[in-house]
Amino acid sequence: SVSITGFVYPVVVHWVWDSQGFLSAFNPNSVLGGAIDFAGSGVVHMTGGVAALVGAKVVGPRLGRYDEDGLAMPIPPSNTTLQVLGTFILWLGWYGFNGGSA
Protein backbone atom coordinates (compact mmCIF):
# COMPACT_ATOMS: atom_id res chain seq x y z
CA SER A 1 0.00 0.00 0.00
CA VAL A 2 2.76 2.42 0.86
CA SER A 3 4.63 1.81 -2.38
CA ILE A 4 1.53 2.15 -4.55
CA THR A 5 0.25 5.23 -2.72
CA GLY A 6 3.64 6.90 -2.43
CA PHE A 7 5.31 6.06 -5.72
CA VAL A 8 3.13 4.39 -8.36
CA TYR A 9 -0.14 6.33 -8.05
CA PRO A 10 1.43 9.84 -8.21
CA VAL A 11 3.22 8.92 -11.43
CA VAL A 12 0.06 7.57 -13.08
CA VAL A 13 -1.92 10.60 -11.88
CA HIS A 14 0.66 12.90 -13.46
CA TRP A 15 0.41 11.05 -16.77
CA VAL A 16 -3.37 11.59 -16.98
CA TRP A 17 -4.26 14.66 -14.92
CA ASP A 18 -1.35 17.01 -15.58
CA SER A 19 -1.70 19.15 -18.71
CA GLN A 20 1.80 18.02 -19.78
CA GLY A 21 1.15 14.33 -19.13
CA PHE A 22 1.46 12.07 -22.16
CA LEU A 23 -2.03 10.60 -21.50
CA SER A 24 -3.72 13.95 -20.79
CA ALA A 25 -6.53 15.06 -23.10
CA PHE A 26 -5.26 18.64 -22.63
CA ASN A 27 -1.82 17.88 -24.07
CA PRO A 28 -1.79 18.40 -27.85
CA ASN A 29 0.95 15.75 -28.18
CA SER A 30 -0.84 13.13 -26.08
CA VAL A 31 -1.05 9.47 -27.02
CA LEU A 32 -4.21 8.69 -29.04
CA GLY A 33 -5.76 12.03 -28.11
CA GLY A 34 -5.43 11.52 -24.36
CA ALA A 35 -7.81 10.23 -21.73
CA ILE A 36 -10.68 12.10 -20.13
CA ASP A 37 -10.98 10.80 -16.59
CA PHE A 38 -14.41 11.31 -15.02
CA ALA A 39 -14.00 12.18 -11.33
CA GLY A 40 -10.68 10.33 -11.16
CA SER A 41 -12.26 6.89 -11.32
CA GLY A 42 -10.32 5.75 -14.38
CA VAL A 43 -6.92 6.39 -12.86
CA VAL A 44 -7.89 4.88 -9.51
CA HIS A 45 -9.38 1.70 -10.93
CA MET A 46 -6.73 1.23 -13.62
CA THR A 47 -3.93 1.54 -11.05
CA GLY A 48 -5.67 -0.81 -8.64
CA GLY A 49 -6.47 -3.33 -11.38
CA VAL A 50 -2.94 -3.44 -12.72
CA ALA A 51 -1.56 -3.74 -9.18
CA ALA A 52 -3.95 -6.63 -8.47
CA LEU A 53 -2.97 -8.36 -11.71
CA VAL A 54 0.74 -8.05 -10.91
CA GLY A 55 0.12 -9.21 -7.33
CA ALA A 56 -1.82 -12.27 -8.52
CA LYS A 57 0.97 -13.14 -10.95
CA VAL A 58 3.64 -12.78 -8.24
CA VAL A 59 1.74 -14.80 -5.63
CA GLY A 60 0.54 -17.48 -8.08
CA PRO A 61 -2.20 -20.03 -7.50
CA ARG A 62 -2.94 -21.11 -3.97
CA LEU A 63 -1.28 -24.24 -2.65
CA GLY A 64 -3.32 -27.38 -3.24
CA ARG A 65 -5.33 -25.80 -6.08
CA TYR A 66 -3.85 -28.13 -8.72
CA ASP A 67 -2.80 -31.77 -8.51
CA GLU A 68 0.43 -33.27 -9.92
CA ASP A 69 -1.11 -33.49 -13.42
CA GLY A 70 -2.14 -29.82 -13.46
CA LEU A 71 -5.85 -30.54 -13.04
CA ALA A 72 -7.91 -28.24 -10.83
CA MET A 73 -8.87 -29.62 -7.44
CA PRO A 74 -12.24 -28.76 -5.86
CA ILE A 75 -12.09 -25.85 -3.44
CA PRO A 76 -13.52 -26.61 0.03
CA PRO A 77 -16.46 -24.45 1.13
CA SER A 78 -15.79 -21.16 2.90
CA ASN A 79 -17.37 -19.50 5.91
CA THR A 80 -20.78 -18.26 4.70
CA THR A 81 -21.28 -16.04 7.75
CA LEU A 82 -18.08 -14.11 7.04
CA GLN A 83 -19.00 -13.86 3.35
CA VAL A 84 -22.36 -12.26 4.19
CA LEU A 85 -20.75 -9.97 6.78
CA GLY A 86 -18.13 -8.84 4.25
CA THR A 87 -20.85 -8.18 1.67
CA PHE A 88 -22.78 -5.96 4.11
CA ILE A 89 -19.64 -4.06 5.12
CA LEU A 90 -18.76 -3.46 1.46
CA TRP A 91 -22.36 -2.41 0.72
CA LEU A 92 -22.39 0.03 3.62
CA GLY A 93 -19.07 1.53 2.54
CA TRP A 94 -20.34 1.85 -1.03
CA TYR A 95 -23.34 3.88 0.15
CA GLY A 96 -21.12 6.08 2.33
CA PHE A 97 -18.65 6.70 -0.47
CA ASN A 98 -21.21 7.42 -3.18
CA GLY A 99 -23.39 9.56 -0.92
CA GLY A 100 -20.36 11.53 0.28
CA SER A 101 -18.98 12.13 -3.19
CA ALA A 102 -22.24 13.34 -4.73
PDB file of N, CA and C in Angstrom:
ATOM      1  N   SER A   1       0.819  -1.201   0.000  1.00  0.00           N
ATOM      2  CA  SER A   1       0.000   0.000   0.000  1.00  0.00           C
ATOM      3  C   SER A   1       0.856   1.255   0.000  1.00  0.00           C
ATOM      4  N   VAL A   2       1.910   1.242   0.790  1.00  0.00           N
ATOM      5  CA  VAL A   2       2.760   2.423   0.864  1.00  0.00           C
ATOM      6  C   VAL A   2       3.454   2.670  -0.473  1.00  0.00           C
ATOM      7  N   SER A   3       3.939   1.619  -1.105  1.00  0.00           N
ATOM      8  CA  SER A   3       4.634   1.810  -2.377  1.00  0.00           C
ATOM      9  C   SER A   3       3.684   2.267  -3.487  1.00  0.00           C
ATOM     10  N   ILE A   4       2.484   1.726  -3.526  1.00  0.00           N
ATOM     11  CA  ILE A   4       1.528   2.151  -4.554  1.00  0.00           C
ATOM     12  C   ILE A   4       1.075   3.581  -4.293  1.00  0.00           C
ATOM     13  N   THR A   5       0.727   3.881  -3.049  1.00  0.00           N
ATOM     14  CA  THR A   5       0.249   5.227  -2.717  1.00  0.00           C
ATOM     15  C   THR A   5       1.355   6.267  -2.835  1.00  0.00           C
ATOM     16  N   GLY A   6       2.567   5.922  -2.453  1.00  0.00           N
ATOM     17  CA  GLY A   6       3.645   6.904  -2.433  1.00  0.00           C
ATOM     18  C   GLY A   6       4.402   7.070  -3.729  1.00  0.00           C
ATOM     19  N   PHE A   7       4.450   5.999  -4.546  1.00  0.00           N
ATOM     20  CA  PHE A   7       5.310   6.062  -5.725  1.00  0.00           C
ATOM     21  C   PHE A   7       4.575   5.796  -7.046  1.00  0.00           C
ATOM     22  N   VAL A   8       3.763   4.764  -7.102  1.00  0.00           N
ATOM     23  CA  VAL A   8       3.128   4.386  -8.365  1.00  0.00           C
ATOM     24  C   VAL A   8       1.974   5.326  -8.708  1.00  0.00           C
ATOM     25  N   TYR A   9       1.049   5.523  -7.783  1.00  0.00           N
ATOM     26  CA  TYR A   9      -0.138   6.326  -8.052  1.00  0.00           C
ATOM     27  C   TYR A   9       0.194   7.768  -8.447  1.00  0.00           C
ATOM     28  N   PRO A  10       1.110   8.471  -7.767  1.00  0.00           N
ATOM     29  CA  PRO A  10       1.427   9.840  -8.210  1.00  0.00           C
ATOM     30  C   PRO A  10       1.959   9.912  -9.638  1.00  0.00           C
ATOM     31  N   VAL A  11       2.697   8.915 -10.062  1.00  0.00           N
ATOM     32  CA  VAL A  11       3.219   8.921 -11.430  1.00  0.00           C
ATOM     33  C   VAL A  11       2.081   8.751 -12.435  1.00  0.00           C
ATOM     34  N   VAL A  12       1.187   7.802 -12.176  1.00  0.00           N
ATOM     35  CA  VAL A  12       0.064   7.574 -13.084  1.00  0.00           C
ATOM     36  C   VAL A  12      -0.868   8.781 -13.099  1.00  0.00           C
ATOM     37  N   VAL A  13      -1.090   9.390 -11.955  1.00  0.00           N
ATOM     38  CA  VAL A  13      -1.916  10.598 -11.884  1.00  0.00           C
ATOM     39  C   VAL A  13      -1.304  11.710 -12.729  1.00  0.00           C
ATOM     40  N   HIS A  14      -0.012  11.869 -12.656  1.00  0.00           N
ATOM     41  CA  HIS A  14       0.656  12.904 -13.457  1.00  0.00           C
ATOM     42  C   HIS A  14       0.471  12.631 -14.948  1.00  0.00           C
ATOM     43  N   TRP A  15       0.572  11.390 -15.361  1.00  0.00           N
ATOM     44  CA  TRP A  15       0.409  11.051 -16.773  1.00  0.00           C
ATOM     45  C   TRP A  15      -0.949  11.482 -17.306  1.00  0.00           C
ATOM     46  N   VAL A  16      -2.005  11.337 -16.496  1.00  0.00           N
ATOM     47  CA  VAL A  16      -3.368  11.586 -16.980  1.00  0.00           C
ATOM     48  C   VAL A  16      -3.869  12.979 -16.608  1.00  0.00           C
ATOM     49  N   TRP A  17      -3.637  13.428 -15.389  1.00  0.00           N
ATOM     50  CA  TRP A  17      -4.262  14.659 -14.918  1.00  0.00           C
ATOM     51  C   TRP A  17      -3.461  15.922 -15.197  1.00  0.00           C
ATOM     52  N   ASP A  18      -2.158  15.824 -15.322  1.00  0.00           N
ATOM     53  CA  ASP A  18      -1.354  17.011 -15.582  1.00  0.00           C
ATOM     54  C   ASP A  18      -1.487  17.409 -17.058  1.00  0.00           C
ATOM     55  N   SER A  19      -1.523  18.698 -17.325  1.00  0.00           N
ATOM     56  CA  SER A  19      -1.695  19.153 -18.711  1.00  0.00           C
ATOM     57  C   SER A  19      -0.512  18.779 -19.602  1.00  0.00           C
ATOM     58  N   GLN A  20       0.635  18.451 -19.007  1.00  0.00           N
ATOM     59  CA  GLN A  20       1.801  18.025 -19.783  1.00  0.00           C
ATOM     60  C   GLN A  20       1.956  16.502 -19.815  1.00  0.00           C
ATOM     61  N   GLY A  21       1.055  15.783 -19.149  1.00  0.00           N
ATOM     62  CA  GLY A  21       1.147  14.326 -19.126  1.00  0.00           C
ATOM     63  C   GLY A  21       0.889  13.721 -20.492  1.00  0.00           C
ATOM     64  N   PHE A  22       1.574  12.626 -20.810  1.00  0.00           N
ATOM     65  CA  PHE A  22       1.459  12.070 -22.158  1.00  0.00           C
ATOM     66  C   PHE A  22       0.118  11.382 -22.399  1.00  0.00           C
ATOM     67  N   LEU A  23      -0.689  11.157 -21.348  1.00  0.00           N
ATOM     68  CA  LEU A  23      -2.029  10.600 -21.505  1.00  0.00           C
ATOM     69  C   LEU A  23      -3.123  11.647 -21.268  1.00  0.00           C
ATOM     70  N   SER A  24      -2.750  12.890 -21.075  1.00  0.00           N
ATOM     71  CA  SER A  24      -3.720  13.950 -20.789  1.00  0.00           C
ATOM     72  C   SER A  24      -4.437  14.378 -22.062  1.00  0.00           C
ATOM     73  N   ALA A  25      -5.744  14.576 -21.962  1.00  0.00           N
ATOM     74  CA  ALA A  25      -6.526  15.064 -23.102  1.00  0.00           C
ATOM     75  C   ALA A  25      -6.208  16.524 -23.398  1.00  0.00           C
ATOM     76  N   PHE A  26      -5.584  17.221 -22.460  1.00  0.00           N
ATOM     77  CA  PHE A  26      -5.257  18.636 -22.626  1.00  0.00           C
ATOM     78  C   PHE A  26      -3.866  18.863 -23.208  1.00  0.00           C
ATOM     79  N   ASN A  27      -3.141  17.789 -23.462  1.00  0.00           N
ATOM     80  CA  ASN A  27      -1.819  17.878 -24.075  1.00  0.00           C
ATOM     81  C   ASN A  27      -1.981  17.637 -25.579  1.00  0.00           C
ATOM     82  N   PRO A  28      -1.611  18.594 -26.407  1.00  0.00           N
ATOM     83  CA  PRO A  28      -1.785  18.398 -27.854  1.00  0.00           C
ATOM     84  C   PRO A  28      -0.943  17.261 -28.418  1.00  0.00           C
ATOM     85  N   ASN A  29       0.099  16.852 -27.727  1.00  0.00           N
ATOM     86  CA  ASN A  29       0.953  15.755 -28.182  1.00  0.00           C
ATOM     87  C   ASN A  29       0.657  14.445 -27.455  1.00  0.00           C
ATOM     88  N   SER A  30      -0.531  14.307 -26.883  1.00  0.00           N
ATOM     89  CA  SER A  30      -0.835  13.128 -26.079  1.00  0.00           C
ATOM     90  C   SER A  30      -1.002  11.892 -26.961  1.00  0.00           C
ATOM     91  N   VAL A  31      -0.920  10.754 -26.329  1.00  0.00           N
ATOM     92  CA  VAL A  31      -1.051   9.472 -27.021  1.00  0.00           C
ATOM     93  C   VAL A  31      -2.524   9.225 -27.327  1.00  0.00           C
ATOM     94  N   LEU A  32      -2.849   8.998 -28.578  1.00  0.00           N
ATOM     95  CA  LEU A  32      -4.214   8.687 -29.036  1.00  0.00           C
ATOM     96  C   LEU A  32      -5.241   9.739 -28.593  1.00  0.00           C
ATOM     97  N   GLY A  33      -4.831  10.972 -28.474  1.00  0.00           N
ATOM     98  CA  GLY A  33      -5.759  12.035 -28.108  1.00  0.00           C
ATOM     99  C   GLY A  33      -5.957  12.216 -26.622  1.00  0.00           C
ATOM    100  N   GLY A  34      -5.344  11.393 -25.812  1.00  0.00           N
ATOM    101  CA  GLY A  34      -5.429  11.523 -24.362  1.00  0.00           C
ATOM    102  C   GLY A  34      -6.634  10.831 -23.774  1.00  0.00           C
ATOM    103  N   ALA A  35      -6.717  10.872 -22.462  1.00  0.00           N
ATOM    104  CA  ALA A  35      -7.808  10.230 -21.730  1.00  0.00           C
ATOM    105  C   ALA A  35      -8.544  11.276 -20.910  1.00  0.00           C
ATOM    106  N   ILE A  36      -9.854  11.250 -20.980  1.00  0.00           N
ATOM    107  CA  ILE A  36     -10.685  12.105 -20.135  1.00  0.00           C
ATOM    108  C   ILE A  36     -11.142  11.239 -18.972  1.00  0.00           C
ATOM    109  N   ASP A  37     -10.735  11.605 -17.779  1.00  0.00           N
ATOM    110  CA  ASP A  37     -10.985  10.797 -16.593  1.00  0.00           C
ATOM    111  C   ASP A  37     -12.104  11.420 -15.782  1.00  0.00           C
ATOM    112  N   PHE A  38     -13.263  10.782 -15.760  1.00  0.00           N
ATOM    113  CA  PHE A  38     -14.407  11.314 -15.023  1.00  0.00           C
ATOM    114  C   PHE A  38     -14.223  11.105 -13.533  1.00  0.00           C
ATOM    115  N   ALA A  39     -14.091  12.167 -12.799  1.00  0.00           N
ATOM    116  CA  ALA A  39     -13.998  12.177 -11.331  1.00  0.00           C
ATOM    117  C   ALA A  39     -12.837  11.338 -10.798  1.00  0.00           C
ATOM    118  N   GLY A  40     -11.850  11.067 -11.621  1.00  0.00           N
ATOM    119  CA  GLY A  40     -10.685  10.328 -11.157  1.00  0.00           C
ATOM    120  C   GLY A  40     -10.856   8.832 -11.086  1.00  0.00           C
ATOM    121  N   SER A  41     -12.009   8.315 -11.488  1.00  0.00           N
ATOM    122  CA  SER A  41     -12.262   6.885 -11.320  1.00  0.00           C
ATOM    123  C   SER A  41     -11.424   6.029 -12.256  1.00  0.00           C
ATOM    124  N   GLY A  42     -11.115   6.537 -13.441  1.00  0.00           N
ATOM    125  CA  GLY A  42     -10.325   5.753 -14.381  1.00  0.00           C
ATOM    126  C   GLY A  42      -8.923   5.494 -13.881  1.00  0.00           C
ATOM    127  N   VAL A  43      -8.283   6.534 -13.371  1.00  0.00           N
ATOM    128  CA  VAL A  43      -6.918   6.390 -12.860  1.00  0.00           C
ATOM    129  C   VAL A  43      -6.903   5.482 -11.638  1.00  0.00           C
ATOM    130  N   VAL A  44      -7.848   5.671 -10.743  1.00  0.00           N
ATOM    131  CA  VAL A  44      -7.886   4.876  -9.510  1.00  0.00           C
ATOM    132  C   VAL A  44      -8.090   3.399  -9.833  1.00  0.00           C
ATOM    133  N   HIS A  45      -9.075   3.098 -10.653  1.00  0.00           N
ATOM    134  CA  HIS A  45      -9.384   1.698 -10.927  1.00  0.00           C
ATOM    135  C   HIS A  45      -8.355   1.044 -11.852  1.00  0.00           C
ATOM    136  N   MET A  46      -7.775   1.798 -12.777  1.00  0.00           N
ATOM    137  CA  MET A  46      -6.734   1.232 -13.620  1.00  0.00           C
ATOM    138  C   MET A  46      -5.501   0.887 -12.774  1.00  0.00           C
ATOM    139  N   THR A  47      -5.090   1.793 -11.900  1.00  0.00           N
ATOM    140  CA  THR A  47      -3.929   1.542 -11.049  1.00  0.00           C
ATOM    141  C   THR A  47      -4.172   0.350 -10.131  1.00  0.00           C
ATOM    142  N   GLY A  48      -5.340   0.313  -9.519  1.00  0.00           N
ATOM    143  CA  GLY A  48      -5.667  -0.815  -8.641  1.00  0.00           C
ATOM    144  C   GLY A  48      -5.758  -2.135  -9.380  1.00  0.00           C
ATOM    145  N   GLY A  49      -6.338  -2.111 -10.590  1.00  0.00           N
ATOM    146  CA  GLY A  49      -6.469  -3.331 -11.375  1.00  0.00           C
ATOM    147  C   GLY A  49      -5.135  -3.874 -11.836  1.00  0.00           C
ATOM    148  N   VAL A  50      -4.265  -2.998 -12.289  1.00  0.00           N
ATOM    149  CA  VAL A  50      -2.937  -3.440 -12.724  1.00  0.00           C
ATOM    150  C   VAL A  50      -2.135  -3.953 -11.526  1.00  0.00           C
ATOM    151  N   ALA A  51      -2.253  -3.272 -10.385  1.00  0.00           N
ATOM    152  CA  ALA A  51      -1.555  -3.737  -9.178  1.00  0.00           C
ATOM    153  C   ALA A  51      -2.072  -5.106  -8.741  1.00  0.00           C
ATOM    154  N   ALA A  52      -3.382  -5.330  -8.830  1.00  0.00           N
ATOM    155  CA  ALA A  52      -3.951  -6.631  -8.473  1.00  0.00           C
ATOM    156  C   ALA A  52      -3.493  -7.720  -9.433  1.00  0.00           C
ATOM    157  N   LEU A  53      -3.428  -7.392 -10.721  1.00  0.00           N
ATOM    158  CA  LEU A  53      -2.965  -8.364 -11.714  1.00  0.00           C
ATOM    159  C   LEU A  53      -1.512  -8.753 -11.468  1.00  0.00           C
ATOM    160  N   VAL A  54      -0.666  -7.765 -11.197  1.00  0.00           N
ATOM    161  CA  VAL A  54       0.743  -8.045 -10.908  1.00  0.00           C
ATOM    162  C   VAL A  54       0.867  -8.847  -9.610  1.00  0.00           C
ATOM    163  N   GLY A  55       0.086  -8.475  -8.597  1.00  0.00           N
ATOM    164  CA  GLY A  55       0.117  -9.213  -7.331  1.00  0.00           C
ATOM    165  C   GLY A  55      -0.320 -10.657  -7.489  1.00  0.00           C
ATOM    166  N   ALA A  56      -1.358 -10.899  -8.287  1.00  0.00           N
ATOM    167  CA  ALA A  56      -1.818 -12.270  -8.525  1.00  0.00           C
ATOM    168  C   ALA A  56      -0.771 -13.082  -9.274  1.00  0.00           C
ATOM    169  N   LYS A  57      -0.086 -12.443 -10.199  1.00  0.00           N
ATOM    170  CA  LYS A  57       0.969 -13.139 -10.955  1.00  0.00           C
ATOM    171  C   LYS A  57       2.157 -13.480 -10.045  1.00  0.00           C
ATOM    172  N   VAL A  58       2.508 -12.552  -9.150  1.00  0.00           N
ATOM    173  CA  VAL A  58       3.636 -12.777  -8.240  1.00  0.00           C
ATOM    174  C   VAL A  58       3.305 -13.877  -7.237  1.00  0.00           C
ATOM    175  N   VAL A  59       2.119 -13.834  -6.660  1.00  0.00           N
ATOM    176  CA  VAL A  59       1.745 -14.804  -5.634  1.00  0.00           C
ATOM    177  C   VAL A  59       1.480 -16.174  -6.248  1.00  0.00           C
ATOM    178  N   GLY A  60       0.832 -16.214  -7.413  1.00  0.00           N
ATOM    179  CA  GLY A  60       0.536 -17.478  -8.082  1.00  0.00           C
ATOM    180  C   GLY A  60      -0.689 -18.151  -7.493  1.00  0.00           C
ATOM    181  N   PRO A  61      -1.020 -19.325  -8.007  1.00  0.00           N
ATOM    182  CA  PRO A  61      -2.204 -20.029  -7.499  1.00  0.00           C
ATOM    183  C   PRO A  61      -1.987 -20.516  -6.075  1.00  0.00           C
ATOM    184  N   ARG A  62      -3.076 -20.662  -5.362  1.00  0.00           N
ATOM    185  CA  ARG A  62      -2.938 -21.108  -3.973  1.00  0.00           C
ATOM    186  C   ARG A  62      -2.481 -22.562  -3.904  1.00  0.00           C
ATOM    187  N   LEU A  63      -1.810 -22.889  -2.822  1.00  0.00           N
ATOM    188  CA  LEU A  63      -1.276 -24.239  -2.649  1.00  0.00           C
ATOM    189  C   LEU A  63      -2.423 -25.238  -2.566  1.00  0.00           C
ATOM    190  N   GLY A  64      -2.293 -26.357  -3.242  1.00  0.00           N
ATOM    191  CA  GLY A  64      -3.322 -27.376  -3.240  1.00  0.00           C
ATOM    192  C   GLY A  64      -4.417 -27.131  -4.263  1.00  0.00           C
ATOM    193  N   ARG A  65      -4.294 -26.102  -5.079  1.00  0.00           N
ATOM    194  CA  ARG A  65      -5.326 -25.796  -6.076  1.00  0.00           C
ATOM    195  C   ARG A  65      -5.248 -26.767  -7.249  1.00  0.00           C
ATOM    196  N   TYR A  66      -4.047 -27.212  -7.606  1.00  0.00           N
ATOM    197  CA  TYR A  66      -3.853 -28.128  -8.723  1.00  0.00           C
ATOM    198  C   TYR A  66      -3.145 -29.386  -8.250  1.00  0.00           C
ATOM    199  N   ASP A  67      -3.485 -30.531  -8.857  1.00  0.00           N
ATOM    200  CA  ASP A  67      -2.796 -31.770  -8.505  1.00  0.00           C
ATOM    201  C   ASP A  67      -1.510 -31.902  -9.328  1.00  0.00           C
ATOM    202  N   GLU A  68      -0.847 -33.068  -9.238  1.00  0.00           N
ATOM    203  CA  GLU A  68       0.427 -33.266  -9.922  1.00  0.00           C
ATOM    204  C   GLU A  68       0.301 -33.194 -11.447  1.00  0.00           C
ATOM    205  N   ASP A  69      -0.888 -33.506 -11.969  1.00  0.00           N
ATOM    206  CA  ASP A  69      -1.112 -33.492 -13.419  1.00  0.00           C
ATOM    207  C   ASP A  69      -1.555 -32.126 -13.935  1.00  0.00           C
ATOM    208  N   GLY A  70      -1.704 -31.158 -13.053  1.00  0.00           N
ATOM    209  CA  GLY A  70      -2.138 -29.824 -13.461  1.00  0.00           C
ATOM    210  C   GLY A  70      -3.641 -29.661 -13.528  1.00  0.00           C
ATOM    211  N   LEU A  71      -4.393 -30.637 -13.043  1.00  0.00           N
ATOM    212  CA  LEU A  71      -5.850 -30.538 -13.042  1.00  0.00           C
ATOM    213  C   LEU A  71      -6.324 -29.809 -11.793  1.00  0.00           C
ATOM    214  N   ALA A  72      -7.386 -29.028 -11.949  1.00  0.00           N
ATOM    215  CA  ALA A  72      -7.907 -28.242 -10.828  1.00  0.00           C
ATOM    216  C   ALA A  72      -8.562 -29.153  -9.801  1.00  0.00           C
ATOM    217  N   MET A  73      -8.257 -28.887  -8.551  1.00  0.00           N
ATOM    218  CA  MET A  73      -8.866 -29.623  -7.436  1.00  0.00           C
ATOM    219  C   MET A  73     -10.081 -28.836  -6.935  1.00  0.00           C
ATOM    220  N   PRO A  74     -11.087 -29.508  -6.397  1.00  0.00           N
ATOM    221  CA  PRO A  74     -12.236 -28.763  -5.856  1.00  0.00           C
ATOM    222  C   PRO A  74     -11.831 -27.927  -4.640  1.00  0.00           C
ATOM    223  N   ILE A  75     -12.394 -26.737  -4.552  1.00  0.00           N
ATOM    224  CA  ILE A  75     -12.088 -25.845  -3.436  1.00  0.00           C
ATOM    225  C   ILE A  75     -13.079 -26.134  -2.305  1.00  0.00           C
ATOM    226  N   PRO A  76     -12.590 -26.352  -1.073  1.00  0.00           N
ATOM    227  CA  PRO A  76     -13.519 -26.608   0.030  1.00  0.00           C
ATOM    228  C   PRO A  76     -14.369 -25.372   0.323  1.00  0.00           C
ATOM    229  N   PRO A  77     -15.576 -25.587   0.858  1.00  0.00           N
ATOM    230  CA  PRO A  77     -16.461 -24.445   1.131  1.00  0.00           C
ATOM    231  C   PRO A  77     -15.859 -23.470   2.129  1.00  0.00           C
ATOM    232  N   SER A  78     -16.281 -22.208   2.014  1.00  0.00           N
ATOM    233  CA  SER A  78     -15.794 -21.157   2.899  1.00  0.00           C
ATOM    234  C   SER A  78     -16.821 -20.862   3.980  1.00  0.00           C
ATOM    235  N   ASN A  79     -16.491 -19.897   4.826  1.00  0.00           N
ATOM    236  CA  ASN A  79     -17.372 -19.503   5.909  1.00  0.00           C
ATOM    237  C   ASN A  79     -18.447 -18.563   5.369  1.00  0.00           C
ATOM    238  N   THR A  80     -19.682 -19.043   5.271  1.00  0.00           N
ATOM    239  CA  THR A  80     -20.782 -18.258   4.703  1.00  0.00           C
ATOM    240  C   THR A  80     -21.099 -17.041   5.561  1.00  0.00           C
ATOM    241  N   THR A  81     -20.996 -17.168   6.864  1.00  0.00           N
ATOM    242  CA  THR A  81     -21.282 -16.036   7.746  1.00  0.00           C
ATOM    243  C   THR A  81     -20.328 -14.873   7.473  1.00  0.00           C
ATOM    244  N   LEU A  82     -19.047 -15.171   7.333  1.00  0.00           N
ATOM    245  CA  LEU A  82     -18.081 -14.111   7.044  1.00  0.00           C
ATOM    246  C   LEU A  82     -18.274 -13.540   5.634  1.00  0.00           C
ATOM    247  N   GLN A  83     -18.723 -14.361   4.692  1.00  0.00           N
ATOM    248  CA  GLN A  83     -19.003 -13.857   3.346  1.00  0.00           C
ATOM    249  C   GLN A  83     -20.138 -12.853   3.373  1.00  0.00           C
ATOM    250  N   VAL A  84     -21.209 -13.172   4.098  1.00  0.00           N
ATOM    251  CA  VAL A  84     -22.357 -12.263   4.192  1.00  0.00           C
ATOM    252  C   VAL A  84     -21.964 -10.998   4.945  1.00  0.00           C
ATOM    253  N   LEU A  85     -21.207 -11.129   6.029  1.00  0.00           N
ATOM    254  CA  LEU A  85     -20.751  -9.968   6.781  1.00  0.00           C
ATOM    255  C   LEU A  85     -19.882  -9.061   5.904  1.00  0.00           C
ATOM    256  N   GLY A  86     -18.966  -9.632   5.140  1.00  0.00           N
ATOM    257  CA  GLY A  86     -18.134  -8.843   4.246  1.00  0.00           C
ATOM    258  C   GLY A  86     -18.945  -8.136   3.178  1.00  0.00           C
ATOM    259  N   THR A  87     -19.978  -8.805   2.667  1.00  0.00           N
ATOM    260  CA  THR A  87     -20.849  -8.182   1.674  1.00  0.00           C
ATOM    261  C   THR A  87     -21.570  -6.976   2.260  1.00  0.00           C
ATOM    262  N   PHE A  88     -22.086  -7.093   3.469  1.00  0.00           N
ATOM    263  CA  PHE A  88     -22.781  -5.963   4.106  1.00  0.00           C
ATOM    264  C   PHE A  88     -21.826  -4.813   4.423  1.00  0.00           C
ATOM    265  N   ILE A  89     -20.614  -5.123   4.852  1.00  0.00           N
ATOM    266  CA  ILE A  89     -19.635  -4.065   5.121  1.00  0.00           C
ATOM    267  C   ILE A  89     -19.277  -3.333   3.837  1.00  0.00           C
ATOM    268  N   LEU A  90     -19.057  -4.070   2.754  1.00  0.00           N
ATOM    269  CA  LEU A  90     -18.765  -3.463   1.462  1.00  0.00           C
ATOM    270  C   LEU A  90     -19.937  -2.620   0.966  1.00  0.00           C
ATOM    271  N   TRP A  91     -21.140  -3.124   1.130  1.00  0.00           N
ATOM    272  CA  TRP A  91     -22.356  -2.413   0.720  1.00  0.00           C
ATOM    273  C   TRP A  91     -22.514  -1.111   1.503  1.00  0.00           C
ATOM    274  N   LEU A  92     -22.293  -1.163   2.795  1.00  0.00           N
ATOM    275  CA  LEU A  92     -22.390   0.034   3.625  1.00  0.00           C
ATOM    276  C   LEU A  92     -21.340   1.054   3.237  1.00  0.00           C
ATOM    277  N   GLY A  93     -20.114   0.620   2.976  1.00  0.00           N
ATOM    278  CA  GLY A  93     -19.069   1.527   2.536  1.00  0.00           C
ATOM    279  C   GLY A  93     -19.359   2.138   1.180  1.00  0.00           C
ATOM    280  N   TRP A  94     -19.978   1.351   0.298  1.00  0.00           N
ATOM    281  CA  TRP A  94     -20.342   1.855  -1.029  1.00  0.00           C
ATOM    282  C   TRP A  94     -21.355   2.979  -0.903  1.00  0.00           C
ATOM    283  N   TYR A  95     -22.354   2.806  -0.055  1.00  0.00           N
ATOM    284  CA  TYR A  95     -23.335   3.876   0.151  1.00  0.00           C
ATOM    285  C   TYR A  95     -22.694   5.113   0.768  1.00  0.00           C
ATOM    286  N   GLY A  96     -21.800   4.923   1.714  1.00  0.00           N
ATOM    287  CA  GLY A  96     -21.123   6.075   2.333  1.00  0.00           C
ATOM    288  C   GLY A  96     -20.241   6.800   1.351  1.00  0.00           C
ATOM    289  N   PHE A  97     -19.543   6.051   0.506  1.00  0.00           N
ATOM    290  CA  PHE A  97     -18.652   6.701  -0.469  1.00  0.00           C
ATOM    291  C   PHE A  97     -19.457   7.441  -1.530  1.00  0.00           C
ATOM    292  N   ASN A  98     -20.440   6.801  -2.107  1.00  0.00           N
ATOM    293  CA  ASN A  98     -21.214   7.422  -3.182  1.00  0.00           C
ATOM    294  C   ASN A  98     -22.063   8.577  -2.676  1.00  0.00           C
ATOM    295  N   GLY A  99     -22.615   8.462  -1.490  1.00  0.00           N
ATOM    296  CA  GLY A  99     -23.388   9.562  -0.921  1.00  0.00           C
ATOM    297  C   GLY A  99     -22.498  10.749  -0.569  1.00  0.00           C
ATOM    298  N   GLY A 100     -21.293  10.462  -0.095  1.00  0.00           N
ATOM    299  CA  GLY A 100     -20.359  11.534   0.281  1.00  0.00           C
ATOM    300  C   GLY A 100     -19.726  12.216  -0.902  1.00  0.00           C
ATOM    301  N   SER A 101     -19.630  11.514  -2.029  1.00  0.00           N
ATOM    302  CA  SER A 101     -18.983  12.125  -3.188  1.00  0.00           C
ATOM    303  C   SER A 101     -19.965  12.824  -4.118  1.00  0.00           C
ATOM    304  N   ALA A 102     -21.236  12.716  -3.835  1.00  0.00           N
ATOM    305  CA  ALA A 102     -22.241  13.340  -4.727  1.00  0.00           C
ATOM    306  C   ALA A 102     -22.398  14.821  -4.480  1.00  0.00           C
TER     307      ALA A 102
END
